[in-house]
N, C-alpha and C. Protein backbone atom coordinates (compact mmCIF):
# COMPACT_ATOMS: atom_id res chain seq x y z
N UNK A 1 19.39 -5.77 -14.87
CA UNK A 1 18.57 -4.40 -14.51
C UNK A 1 19.47 -3.61 -13.37
N UNK A 2 19.34 -2.62 -13.46
CA UNK A 2 20.12 -2.32 -11.64
C UNK A 2 19.10 -2.34 -10.79
N UNK A 3 19.50 -2.63 -9.81
CA UNK A 3 18.42 -2.80 -8.38
C UNK A 3 17.76 -1.19 -8.33
N UNK A 4 16.27 -1.02 -8.18
CA UNK A 4 15.49 0.34 -7.77
C UNK A 4 14.22 0.17 -7.25
N UNK A 5 13.72 0.76 -6.34
CA UNK A 5 12.99 0.05 -5.67
C UNK A 5 11.92 1.22 -5.60
N UNK A 6 10.56 1.04 -5.68
CA UNK A 6 9.07 1.46 -5.67
C UNK A 6 8.31 1.32 -4.86
N UNK A 7 8.07 2.64 -4.01
CA UNK A 7 6.95 2.41 -3.58
C UNK A 7 5.45 3.05 -3.46
N UNK A 8 4.49 2.32 -3.21
CA UNK A 8 3.52 2.84 -3.84
C UNK A 8 2.00 3.24 -2.95
N UNK A 9 2.21 4.36 -2.04
CA UNK A 9 1.36 4.61 -1.20
C UNK A 9 -0.39 5.04 -1.83
N UNK A 10 -1.55 4.91 -0.72
CA UNK A 10 -2.59 5.20 -2.03
C UNK A 10 -3.77 5.34 -0.71
N UNK A 11 -4.52 6.11 -1.07
CA UNK A 11 -5.78 6.15 -0.49
C UNK A 11 -6.62 5.55 -1.24
N UNK A 12 -7.19 4.76 -0.09
CA UNK A 12 -8.67 4.12 -0.61
C UNK A 12 -9.44 4.14 -1.22
N UNK A 13 -9.75 3.48 -2.33
CA UNK A 13 -10.69 3.51 -3.51
C UNK A 13 -10.12 4.77 -4.59
N UNK A 14 -8.47 4.69 -4.67
CA UNK A 14 -7.63 5.76 -6.16
C UNK A 14 -7.95 4.56 -6.64
N UNK A 15 -7.81 3.49 -6.62
CA UNK A 15 -7.34 2.21 -7.40
C UNK A 15 -5.84 1.62 -7.42
N UNK A 16 -5.27 2.48 -6.48
CA UNK A 16 -3.78 2.16 -6.22
C UNK A 16 -3.31 0.93 -6.20
N UNK A 17 -4.00 -0.40 -5.89
CA UNK A 17 -3.21 -1.63 -5.70
C UNK A 17 -3.73 -1.95 -6.92
N UNK A 18 -4.20 -1.90 -8.12
CA UNK A 18 -4.67 -2.39 -9.35
C UNK A 18 -3.76 -1.50 -10.26
N UNK A 19 -3.19 -0.41 -10.59
CA UNK A 19 -2.60 0.42 -10.89
C UNK A 19 -1.31 -0.05 -10.36
N UNK A 20 -0.38 -0.26 -9.12
CA UNK A 20 0.41 -0.71 -8.99
C UNK A 20 1.04 -2.04 -9.26
N UNK A 21 0.53 -2.97 -9.28
CA UNK A 21 0.24 -4.77 -10.07
C UNK A 21 0.74 -4.40 -11.21
N UNK A 22 -0.63 -3.73 -11.98
CA UNK A 22 -0.10 -3.35 -13.31
C UNK A 22 1.10 -2.56 -13.95
N UNK A 23 1.41 -2.27 -12.84
CA UNK A 23 2.47 -1.14 -13.34
C UNK A 23 3.90 -2.00 -13.62
N UNK A 24 3.60 -2.79 -12.34
CA UNK A 24 5.12 -4.14 -12.03
C UNK A 24 4.98 -4.65 -12.75
N UNK A 25 3.62 -5.26 -14.02
CA UNK A 25 4.06 -6.15 -14.73
C UNK A 25 4.72 -5.56 -16.08
N UNK A 26 4.04 -4.19 -16.46
CA UNK A 26 4.32 -3.49 -17.58
C UNK A 26 6.00 -3.25 -17.07
N UNK A 27 6.48 -3.34 -16.55
CA UNK A 27 7.93 -2.95 -15.70
C UNK A 27 8.80 -4.22 -16.08
N UNK A 28 8.30 -5.33 -15.82
CA UNK A 28 8.96 -6.69 -15.72
C UNK A 28 9.96 -7.18 -14.71
N UNK A 29 8.99 -6.24 -12.87
CA UNK A 29 9.69 -6.30 -11.79
C UNK A 29 8.69 -7.04 -10.72
N UNK A 30 9.32 -7.36 -9.74
CA UNK A 30 8.61 -8.10 -8.55
C UNK A 30 7.39 -7.33 -7.83
N UNK A 31 6.29 -7.32 -7.43
CA UNK A 31 5.66 -6.62 -6.86
C UNK A 31 5.22 -7.52 -5.41
N UNK A 32 5.52 -6.89 -4.49
CA UNK A 32 4.77 -7.27 -3.59
C UNK A 32 4.23 -6.79 -2.81
N UNK A 33 2.93 -7.16 -2.17
CA UNK A 33 1.94 -6.44 -1.55
C UNK A 33 1.36 -6.97 0.16
N UNK A 34 0.77 -8.39 -0.36
CA UNK A 34 0.45 -9.24 0.63
C UNK A 34 0.91 -10.02 0.80
N UNK A 35 1.83 -10.38 0.29
CA UNK A 35 3.53 -11.04 0.36
C UNK A 35 4.28 -10.66 1.73
N UNK A 36 3.91 -9.63 1.65
CA UNK A 36 4.82 -8.95 2.89
C UNK A 36 4.22 -9.57 4.71
N UNK A 37 2.79 -9.31 4.26
CA UNK A 37 1.57 -9.85 5.39
C UNK A 37 2.40 -11.18 5.39
N UNK A 38 2.27 -12.51 4.17
CA UNK A 38 2.07 -13.84 4.50
C UNK A 38 3.56 -13.88 5.07
N UNK A 39 4.21 -13.75 5.06
CA UNK A 39 6.29 -13.53 5.14
C UNK A 39 6.14 -13.19 6.57
N UNK A 40 5.47 -12.24 7.12
CA UNK A 40 6.15 -11.97 8.61
C UNK A 40 4.91 -12.86 9.33
N UNK A 41 4.06 -13.56 9.20
CA UNK A 41 3.19 -13.77 10.04
C UNK A 41 4.37 -16.81 9.73
N UNK A 42 4.42 -15.71 8.86
CA UNK A 42 5.42 -17.74 8.68
C UNK A 42 6.52 -16.95 9.49
N UNK A 43 7.44 -15.51 9.54
CA UNK A 43 8.47 -15.57 9.91
C UNK A 43 8.12 -16.03 11.85
N UNK A 44 7.53 -15.16 11.72
CA UNK A 44 6.60 -14.99 13.70
C UNK A 44 5.96 -16.35 13.70
N UNK A 45 5.98 -17.05 13.10
CA UNK A 45 5.43 -18.36 13.60
C UNK A 45 3.53 -18.31 13.98
N UNK A 46 2.89 -17.40 13.33
CA UNK A 46 1.93 -16.64 13.73
C UNK A 46 0.83 -16.76 13.23
N UNK A 47 -0.73 -17.16 13.23
CA UNK A 47 -1.35 -17.43 12.00
C UNK A 47 -1.30 -15.53 11.56
N UNK A 48 -2.12 -16.16 10.23
CA UNK A 48 -1.83 -15.45 8.73
C UNK A 48 -3.16 -14.28 9.64
N UNK A 49 -4.85 -15.22 10.47
CA UNK A 49 -5.47 -13.93 10.57
C UNK A 49 -5.01 -13.03 11.56
N UNK A 50 -3.79 -13.06 12.34
CA UNK A 50 -3.86 -12.50 13.65
C UNK A 50 -2.81 -11.23 13.40
N UNK A 51 -1.83 -11.42 12.03
CA UNK A 51 -1.32 -10.62 11.43
C UNK A 51 -1.84 -9.40 10.71
N UNK A 52 -2.93 -9.97 9.99
CA UNK A 52 -3.74 -9.38 9.17
C UNK A 52 -4.33 -8.92 9.20
N UNK A 53 -5.14 -9.05 10.78
CA UNK A 53 -6.89 -9.19 11.66
C UNK A 53 -7.98 -9.23 10.63
N UNK A 54 -7.53 -10.70 10.12
CA UNK A 54 -8.65 -11.15 9.65
C UNK A 54 -10.01 -12.45 10.20
N UNK A 55 -10.10 -11.97 11.37
CA UNK A 55 -10.47 -12.67 12.47
C UNK A 55 -11.43 -11.93 12.65
N UNK A 56 -11.10 -9.93 12.41
CA UNK A 56 -11.79 -8.96 13.16
C UNK A 56 -13.20 -8.94 11.82
N UNK A 57 -12.27 -8.92 10.61
CA UNK A 57 -12.70 -8.83 9.51
C UNK A 57 -13.62 -9.72 8.75
N UNK A 58 -13.73 -10.71 9.51
CA UNK A 58 -14.97 -12.17 9.44
C UNK A 58 -15.67 -11.69 10.06
N UNK A 59 -15.84 -10.94 11.17
CA UNK A 59 -17.09 -10.77 12.48
C UNK A 59 -17.66 -9.26 11.54
N UNK A 60 -16.90 -8.06 10.91
CA UNK A 60 -17.07 -7.47 10.39
C UNK A 60 -18.24 -6.78 9.39
N UNK A 61 -18.87 -6.03 9.37
CA UNK A 61 -20.08 -5.98 8.11
C UNK A 61 -19.47 -5.67 7.26
N UNK A 62 -18.02 -5.34 7.60
CA UNK A 62 -17.34 -5.22 5.74
C UNK A 62 -16.63 -6.02 5.25
N UNK A 63 -17.23 -7.40 5.98
CA UNK A 63 -16.18 -8.60 5.71
C UNK A 63 -14.74 -8.87 5.00
N UNK A 64 -14.40 -8.84 4.21
CA UNK A 64 -12.96 -8.57 3.51
C UNK A 64 -12.23 -7.03 3.29
N UNK A 65 -13.72 -6.40 3.55
CA UNK A 65 -12.33 -4.84 3.40
C UNK A 65 -12.00 -4.80 5.09
N UNK A 66 -12.97 -5.28 6.22
CA UNK A 66 -12.20 -4.63 7.74
C UNK A 66 -11.15 -4.63 7.63
N UNK A 67 -10.38 -5.49 7.47
CA UNK A 67 -8.90 -5.64 7.89
C UNK A 67 -8.16 -4.29 7.42
N UNK A 68 -8.87 -3.84 6.24
CA UNK A 68 -8.41 -2.65 5.89
C UNK A 68 -7.96 -1.29 6.83
N UNK A 69 -9.26 -1.82 7.84
CA UNK A 69 -9.38 -0.29 9.03
C UNK A 69 -7.80 -0.70 10.16
N UNK A 70 -7.65 -2.33 10.10
CA UNK A 70 -6.21 -1.74 11.10
C UNK A 70 -4.74 -2.45 9.73
N UNK A 71 -3.81 -2.08 9.66
CA UNK A 71 -2.68 -1.86 8.99
C UNK A 71 -2.78 -3.79 9.34
N UNK A 72 -2.13 -3.19 11.03
CA UNK A 72 -1.69 -4.49 11.70
C UNK A 72 -2.20 -4.80 12.68
N UNK A 73 -3.62 -5.21 12.07
CA UNK A 73 -4.68 -5.60 13.55
C UNK A 73 -4.89 -4.69 14.16
N UNK A 74 -5.98 -5.15 15.34
CA UNK A 74 -6.05 -4.68 16.48
C UNK A 74 -5.27 -5.54 17.77
N UNK A 75 -4.35 -5.49 17.97
CA UNK A 75 -3.53 -6.42 18.68
C UNK A 75 -2.75 -5.09 19.42
N UNK A 76 -2.28 -5.64 21.12
CA UNK A 76 -1.54 -4.84 21.73
C UNK A 76 -0.44 -3.85 20.77
N UNK A 77 -0.44 -2.78 21.39
CA UNK A 77 1.06 -2.14 20.83
C UNK A 77 2.42 -2.76 20.80
N UNK A 78 2.33 -3.59 21.73
CA UNK A 78 3.71 -4.66 22.26
C UNK A 78 3.81 -5.47 20.61
N UNK A 79 2.67 -6.05 20.55
CA UNK A 79 3.04 -6.49 19.41
C UNK A 79 2.79 -6.56 18.50
N UNK A 80 2.19 -5.15 17.98
CA UNK A 80 1.69 -4.59 17.10
C UNK A 80 3.22 -3.88 16.55
N UNK A 81 3.88 -3.47 17.79
CA UNK A 81 5.69 -3.21 17.31
C UNK A 81 6.51 -4.39 16.98
N UNK A 82 6.43 -5.68 17.38
CA UNK A 82 6.97 -6.71 17.35
C UNK A 82 6.28 -6.80 15.60
N UNK A 83 5.23 -7.10 14.99
CA UNK A 83 5.57 -7.36 13.96
C UNK A 83 5.67 -6.10 12.90
N UNK A 84 5.77 -4.98 13.36
CA UNK A 84 6.57 -3.37 12.08
C UNK A 84 7.79 -4.30 12.10
N UNK A 85 8.78 -4.50 13.06
CA UNK A 85 10.18 -4.96 13.47
C UNK A 85 10.40 -6.15 12.12
N UNK A 86 9.67 -7.14 12.01
CA UNK A 86 9.62 -8.27 11.35
C UNK A 86 9.19 -7.51 10.07
N UNK A 87 8.02 -6.90 9.73
CA UNK A 87 8.05 -6.18 8.54
C UNK A 87 9.15 -5.62 7.74
N UNK A 88 10.17 -4.92 8.83
CA UNK A 88 10.74 -4.05 7.78
C UNK A 88 11.47 -4.97 7.78
N UNK A 89 11.79 -6.18 8.30
CA UNK A 89 12.99 -7.04 7.62
C UNK A 89 12.93 -7.92 6.49
N UNK A 90 11.66 -8.03 6.57
CA UNK A 90 10.57 -8.64 5.50
C UNK A 90 10.94 -7.96 3.60
N UNK A 91 10.81 -6.64 4.18
CA UNK A 91 10.71 -5.73 3.10
C UNK A 91 12.09 -5.78 2.94
N UNK A 92 13.12 -5.21 3.08
CA UNK A 92 14.39 -5.64 3.21
C UNK A 92 14.83 -6.34 2.12
N UNK A 93 14.30 -7.44 2.85
CA UNK A 93 15.21 -8.81 1.87
C UNK A 93 13.99 -9.58 1.13
N UNK A 94 12.30 -8.71 0.51
CA UNK A 94 12.54 -8.82 -0.59
C UNK A 94 13.58 -7.54 -1.59
N UNK A 95 13.80 -6.22 -1.45
CA UNK A 95 14.33 -5.31 -1.72
C UNK A 95 15.64 -6.09 -2.76
N UNK A 96 15.92 -6.81 -1.66
CA UNK A 96 17.38 -7.53 -1.83
C UNK A 96 17.07 -8.50 -2.57
N UNK A 97 16.08 -8.82 -3.70
CA UNK A 97 15.66 -9.79 -4.61
C UNK A 97 15.65 -9.08 -6.57
N UNK A 98 15.90 -7.76 -5.93
CA UNK A 98 15.71 -7.01 -7.05
C UNK A 98 15.35 -6.44 -7.68
N UNK A 99 15.05 -5.20 -8.19
CA UNK A 99 13.85 -3.95 -8.48
C UNK A 99 12.33 -4.99 -8.10
N UNK A 100 11.84 -3.76 -7.96
CA UNK A 100 10.30 -4.20 -7.25
C UNK A 100 9.56 -3.20 -6.60
N UNK A 101 8.39 -3.18 -6.75
CA UNK A 101 7.27 -2.24 -6.07
C UNK A 101 6.34 -3.28 -4.99
N UNK A 102 6.49 -2.16 -3.79
CA UNK A 102 6.12 -2.59 -2.72
C UNK A 102 4.70 -1.82 -1.91
N UNK A 103 3.86 -2.31 -2.21
CA UNK A 103 2.23 -1.39 -2.03
C UNK A 103 2.05 -1.10 -0.16
N UNK A 104 2.32 0.40 0.18
CA UNK A 104 1.20 0.39 1.14
C UNK A 104 2.87 -0.15 2.30
N UNK A 105 2.20 -0.47 4.01
CA UNK A 105 3.21 -1.08 4.79
C UNK A 105 3.78 0.31 5.16
N UNK A 106 4.49 1.44 5.12
CA UNK A 106 5.32 1.97 5.52
C UNK A 106 6.48 2.02 4.62
N UNK A 107 6.56 1.29 3.50
CA UNK A 107 7.40 0.94 2.44
C UNK A 107 8.58 2.20 2.68
N UNK A 108 7.44 3.08 2.08
CA UNK A 108 8.11 4.61 1.85
C UNK A 108 9.60 4.86 2.98
N UNK A 109 8.98 4.52 4.13
CA UNK A 109 9.79 5.13 5.41
C UNK A 109 10.84 3.83 5.23
N UNK A 110 10.58 2.39 5.01
CA UNK A 110 11.45 1.48 5.48
C UNK A 110 12.35 1.60 4.32
N UNK A 111 12.26 2.20 2.95
CA UNK A 111 12.80 1.48 1.81
C UNK A 111 14.33 3.34 1.71
N UNK A 112 13.84 4.06 2.93
CA UNK A 112 13.94 5.34 2.54
C UNK A 112 15.96 5.47 2.74
N UNK A 113 16.33 4.77 2.79
CA UNK A 113 18.18 4.73 2.18
C UNK A 113 18.35 4.26 1.48
N UNK A 114 17.43 3.28 0.65
CA UNK A 114 17.96 2.93 -0.75
C UNK A 114 18.51 3.47 -1.62
N UNK A 115 19.58 3.81 -2.27
CA UNK A 115 19.84 4.21 -2.94
C UNK A 115 19.42 4.70 -4.38
N UNK A 116 18.28 4.23 -4.68
CA UNK A 116 17.28 4.16 -6.44
C UNK A 116 15.79 3.76 -6.19
N UNK A 117 15.47 5.01 -5.27
CA UNK A 117 13.97 4.63 -4.35
C UNK A 117 13.09 5.72 -5.22
N UNK A 118 11.90 5.33 -5.76
CA UNK A 118 10.85 6.16 -6.03
C UNK A 118 9.90 6.42 -5.54
N UNK A 119 9.07 6.84 -4.86
CA UNK A 119 8.12 6.95 -3.33
C UNK A 119 6.37 7.90 -4.69
N UNK A 120 6.18 6.75 -4.95
CA UNK A 120 4.84 7.85 -5.42
C UNK A 120 3.56 7.39 -4.74
N UNK A 121 2.43 8.20 -4.25
CA UNK A 121 1.54 8.22 -3.67
C UNK A 121 0.25 8.47 -4.59
N UNK A 122 -0.45 7.75 -4.81
CA UNK A 122 -2.22 7.62 -5.55
C UNK A 122 -3.10 7.67 -4.86
N UNK A 123 -3.77 9.36 -5.74
CA UNK A 123 -5.42 9.50 -4.43
C UNK A 123 -6.17 10.33 -5.23
N UNK A 124 -7.29 10.01 -5.25
CA UNK A 124 -8.43 10.83 -5.75
C UNK A 124 -9.38 11.67 -5.34
N UNK A 125 -10.42 12.20 -5.93
CA UNK A 125 -11.47 12.87 -5.22
C UNK A 125 -11.53 12.00 -4.15
N UNK A 126 -12.66 12.15 -3.14
CA UNK A 126 -13.61 11.69 -2.81
C UNK A 126 -14.78 10.59 -3.01
N UNK A 127 -15.39 11.65 -3.74
CA UNK A 127 -16.81 11.30 -4.38
C UNK A 127 -15.99 10.33 -5.61
N UNK A 128 -15.36 10.19 -6.36
CA UNK A 128 -14.35 9.56 -7.38
C UNK A 128 -14.14 8.42 -6.58
N UNK A 129 -13.66 8.09 -5.37
CA UNK A 129 -13.12 7.00 -4.33
C UNK A 129 -14.64 5.82 -4.54
N UNK A 130 -15.57 7.15 -4.00
CA UNK A 130 -16.68 6.13 -3.60
C UNK A 130 -17.45 5.30 -5.32
N UNK A 131 -17.02 5.87 -5.75
CA UNK A 131 -17.82 5.49 -7.04
C UNK A 131 -16.90 4.15 -7.81
N UNK A 132 -15.38 4.18 -7.51
CA UNK A 132 -14.90 3.34 -7.87
C UNK A 132 -15.18 1.93 -6.81
N UNK A 133 -15.62 2.05 -5.62
CA UNK A 133 -15.49 1.30 -4.14
C UNK A 133 -17.06 0.74 -5.04
N UNK A 134 -17.84 1.34 -5.05
CA UNK A 134 -19.17 0.78 -5.83
C UNK A 134 -19.01 -0.08 -6.91
N UNK A 135 -18.45 0.48 -8.13
CA UNK A 135 -18.27 -0.13 -8.82
C UNK A 135 -17.11 -1.06 -9.10
N UNK A 136 -15.85 -1.34 -8.25
CA UNK A 136 -15.01 -2.00 -8.67
C UNK A 136 -15.11 -3.23 -7.44
N UNK A 137 -15.00 -2.74 -6.81
CA UNK A 137 -15.19 -3.15 -4.95
C UNK A 137 -16.62 -3.80 -5.05
N UNK A 138 -17.33 -3.98 -5.59
CA UNK A 138 -19.17 -3.93 -5.32
C UNK A 138 -19.61 -3.45 -4.12
N UNK A 139 -19.37 -2.42 -3.36
CA UNK A 139 -19.69 -2.16 -2.05
C UNK A 139 -21.08 -1.68 -2.37
N UNK A 140 -21.55 -1.75 -1.59
CA UNK A 140 -23.15 -0.69 -0.80
C UNK A 140 -22.53 0.77 -0.63
N UNK A 141 -22.70 1.62 -1.38
CA UNK A 141 -22.83 2.98 -1.38
C UNK A 141 -22.02 3.94 0.00
N UNK A 142 -23.37 3.91 0.78
CA UNK A 142 -22.80 3.64 2.31
C UNK A 142 -21.63 3.33 3.10
N UNK A 143 -21.29 1.65 2.21
CA UNK A 143 -20.42 1.07 3.26
C UNK A 143 -19.18 1.95 2.18
N UNK A 144 -19.30 2.55 0.99
CA UNK A 144 -18.32 2.40 0.27
C UNK A 144 -17.73 4.42 1.26
N UNK A 145 -18.66 4.69 1.06
CA UNK A 145 -18.72 5.98 1.95
C UNK A 145 -17.85 6.36 2.94
N UNK A 146 -18.17 4.91 4.34
CA UNK A 146 -17.18 4.88 5.85
C UNK A 146 -16.13 4.06 5.42
N UNK A 147 -15.85 3.31 4.53
CA UNK A 147 -14.48 2.88 4.18
C UNK A 147 -13.77 3.76 3.86
N UNK A 148 -14.07 4.49 2.59
CA UNK A 148 -13.38 5.67 2.29
C UNK A 148 -12.82 6.67 3.59
N UNK A 149 -13.54 6.85 4.31
CA UNK A 149 -13.26 7.96 5.86
C UNK A 149 -12.53 7.06 6.95
N UNK A 150 -12.61 6.05 6.83
CA UNK A 150 -12.00 5.24 7.98
C UNK A 150 -11.00 4.81 7.73
N UNK A 151 -10.79 4.09 6.63
CA UNK A 151 -9.52 3.34 6.10
C UNK A 151 -8.31 4.18 6.15
N UNK A 152 -8.54 5.38 5.55
CA UNK A 152 -7.38 6.45 5.44
C UNK A 152 -6.93 7.20 6.45
N UNK A 153 -8.17 7.33 7.47
CA UNK A 153 -8.08 7.54 8.73
C UNK A 153 -6.92 6.34 9.51
N UNK A 154 -7.28 5.12 9.32
CA UNK A 154 -6.10 4.54 9.54
C UNK A 154 -4.92 4.51 9.56
N UNK A 155 -4.62 4.66 8.32
CA UNK A 155 -3.64 4.14 7.13
C UNK A 155 -2.46 6.16 7.83
N UNK A 156 -3.42 6.76 7.33
CA UNK A 156 -2.44 8.16 8.57
C UNK A 156 -2.02 7.81 9.71
N UNK A 157 -2.76 7.39 10.28
CA UNK A 157 -2.65 6.74 11.76
C UNK A 157 -1.82 5.92 12.05
N UNK A 158 -1.64 4.92 11.29
CA UNK A 158 -0.30 3.91 11.09
C UNK A 158 0.76 4.98 10.88
N UNK A 159 0.77 5.43 9.61
CA UNK A 159 1.98 5.98 9.47
C UNK A 159 2.60 6.52 9.79
N UNK A 160 1.81 7.55 10.28
CA UNK A 160 2.73 8.75 11.65
C UNK A 160 2.43 7.99 12.57
N UNK A 161 2.35 7.07 13.40
CA UNK A 161 3.13 6.01 14.27
C UNK A 161 4.18 5.79 13.92
N UNK A 162 4.65 5.11 12.67
CA UNK A 162 5.76 4.30 12.89
C UNK A 162 6.63 5.10 11.60
N UNK A 163 6.26 5.97 10.64
CA UNK A 163 7.16 6.48 10.14
C UNK A 163 7.39 7.77 10.77
N UNK A 164 6.60 8.83 11.70
CA UNK A 164 6.34 9.98 12.33
C UNK A 164 5.98 10.72 10.95
N UNK A 165 5.56 10.56 9.97
CA UNK A 165 5.32 11.61 8.66
C UNK A 165 3.63 10.96 8.10
N UNK A 166 2.69 11.98 7.66
CA UNK A 166 1.45 11.55 7.21
C UNK A 166 1.78 10.92 5.92
N UNK A 167 1.39 9.44 5.72
CA UNK A 167 1.33 9.09 4.13
C UNK A 167 1.33 9.77 2.71
N UNK A 168 0.09 10.63 3.67
CA UNK A 168 0.13 11.82 2.22
C UNK A 168 0.71 12.68 1.84
N UNK A 169 2.05 13.12 2.38
CA UNK A 169 3.26 14.06 2.42
C UNK A 169 3.78 14.58 1.41
N UNK A 170 3.56 15.55 0.72
CA UNK A 170 4.19 15.68 -0.35
C UNK A 170 5.56 15.78 -0.33
N UNK A 171 6.32 16.60 0.78
CA UNK A 171 8.19 16.87 1.19
C UNK A 171 8.74 15.39 1.11
N UNK A 172 8.65 14.07 1.29
CA UNK A 172 8.67 13.21 1.16
C UNK A 172 8.34 12.04 -0.15
N UNK A 173 6.76 12.27 -1.16
CA UNK A 173 6.68 11.09 -1.90
C UNK A 173 7.70 12.27 -3.45
N UNK A 174 7.98 11.04 -4.37
CA UNK A 174 8.55 11.98 -5.42
C UNK A 174 7.58 11.96 -6.29
N UNK A 175 6.25 11.72 -6.11
CA UNK A 175 5.65 11.48 -7.33
C UNK A 175 3.59 11.20 -6.68
N UNK A 176 3.39 12.41 -6.76
CA UNK A 176 1.93 12.17 -6.31
C UNK A 176 0.43 12.11 -7.55
N UNK A 177 -0.34 11.25 -8.03
CA UNK A 177 -0.69 11.34 -8.63
C UNK A 177 -2.11 11.36 -8.48
N UNK A 178 -3.41 12.18 -9.49
CA UNK A 178 -4.69 11.71 -9.32
C UNK A 178 -5.39 11.10 -10.21
N UNK A 179 -5.35 9.44 -9.85
CA UNK A 179 -5.58 8.22 -10.81
C UNK A 179 -7.47 9.06 -11.47
N UNK A 180 -7.98 9.46 -10.90
CA UNK A 180 -9.16 10.28 -11.01
C UNK A 180 -9.10 10.90 -12.55
N UNK A 181 -7.95 11.80 -12.99
CA UNK A 181 -7.43 12.25 -13.88
C UNK A 181 -7.37 11.68 -15.19
N UNK A 182 -6.37 9.81 -15.00
CA UNK A 182 -6.06 9.44 -16.22
C UNK A 182 -6.95 7.90 -16.70
N UNK A 183 -7.31 7.77 -15.14
CA UNK A 183 -8.24 6.54 -15.37
C UNK A 183 -6.54 5.62 -14.97
N UNK A 184 -7.34 4.05 -14.26
CA UNK A 184 -6.73 2.94 -13.92
C UNK A 184 -5.36 3.00 -15.25
N UNK A 185 -5.68 2.89 -16.40
CA UNK A 185 -5.09 2.87 -17.45
C UNK A 185 -4.10 3.90 -17.94
N UNK A 186 -4.52 4.81 -17.69
CA UNK A 186 -3.84 6.26 -18.12
C UNK A 186 -2.43 6.74 -17.03
N UNK A 187 -3.22 5.93 -15.52
CA UNK A 187 -1.73 6.31 -15.14
C UNK A 187 -1.08 5.38 -14.65
N UNK A 188 -1.24 4.17 -15.22
CA UNK A 188 0.14 3.11 -15.54
C UNK A 188 0.72 3.37 -16.58
N UNK A 189 0.51 3.84 -17.26
CA UNK A 189 0.96 4.78 -18.94
C UNK A 189 1.65 5.66 -18.51
N UNK A 190 1.66 6.87 -17.10
CA UNK A 190 2.00 7.91 -17.54
C UNK A 190 3.37 7.48 -15.86
N UNK A 191 2.52 6.45 -15.04
CA UNK A 191 3.57 6.16 -13.98
C UNK A 191 5.02 5.54 -14.99
N UNK A 192 4.53 4.60 -16.02
CA UNK A 192 5.74 3.82 -16.66
C UNK A 192 6.34 4.55 -17.02
N UNK A 193 6.00 5.48 -17.87
CA UNK A 193 6.84 6.24 -18.47
C UNK A 193 7.80 7.15 -17.80
N UNK A 194 6.96 7.50 -16.48
CA UNK A 194 8.41 8.40 -16.11
C UNK A 194 9.22 7.75 -15.00
N UNK A 195 8.89 6.73 -14.77
CA UNK A 195 9.70 5.93 -14.10
C UNK A 195 10.36 5.19 -14.96
N UNK A 196 10.19 4.65 -16.47
CA UNK A 196 11.47 4.67 -17.42
C UNK A 196 12.27 6.30 -17.52
N UNK A 197 12.08 7.06 -17.85
CA UNK A 197 13.29 8.40 -18.06
C UNK A 197 13.78 8.03 -16.32
N UNK A 198 13.64 8.15 -14.91
CA UNK A 198 13.94 8.26 -13.86
C UNK A 198 15.07 7.01 -13.68
N UNK A 199 14.81 6.18 -14.04
CA UNK A 199 15.86 5.06 -14.07
C UNK A 199 16.39 4.32 -15.37
N UNK A 200 16.41 5.15 -16.65
CA UNK A 200 16.59 5.09 -17.83
C UNK A 200 16.40 3.87 -18.18
N UNK A 201 15.14 3.26 -17.98
CA UNK A 201 15.58 2.12 -18.92
C UNK A 201 14.76 1.79 -20.25
């Protein structure tokens, strides 16, 4: 199989992560998400909690969801920059392993020079994302409302800081899809057909 790279950016609550994971399974290719953070922590010889902000998440009212507020943790800018540099190397090494899907973490920007690159952004109306958080993530509605706002703001700021553009920029994405229109399975099917056409699979 010829090497190609798919990156998936997503709004919080749009179900982008399960869509990306299922899509990778359907295509029979590698899927990298938390693996990126774990490998960064390993290479930097740092506790995973520092890289992923799990310590802050543990004391947060949002529990395991708290870390989503800070894609690179709440460390100093200098440390964040170092983590990002290692993260770039990790992502490029994962790309070298063969066809893959990379979720978040500015992968669309990091992989921008790859010959066979397809960048996807998954979004959904705010009210639908809140419903997804309540239904699939078992969050209280009030917490879901706040997380949808706060995580989107944090991801946007992080992406602008390191990529120089907003993560929801239609100018750089190859496909932007509203997951509420087709649901999880329908969105996976639509993206699978699109990618097979794009890469002649």
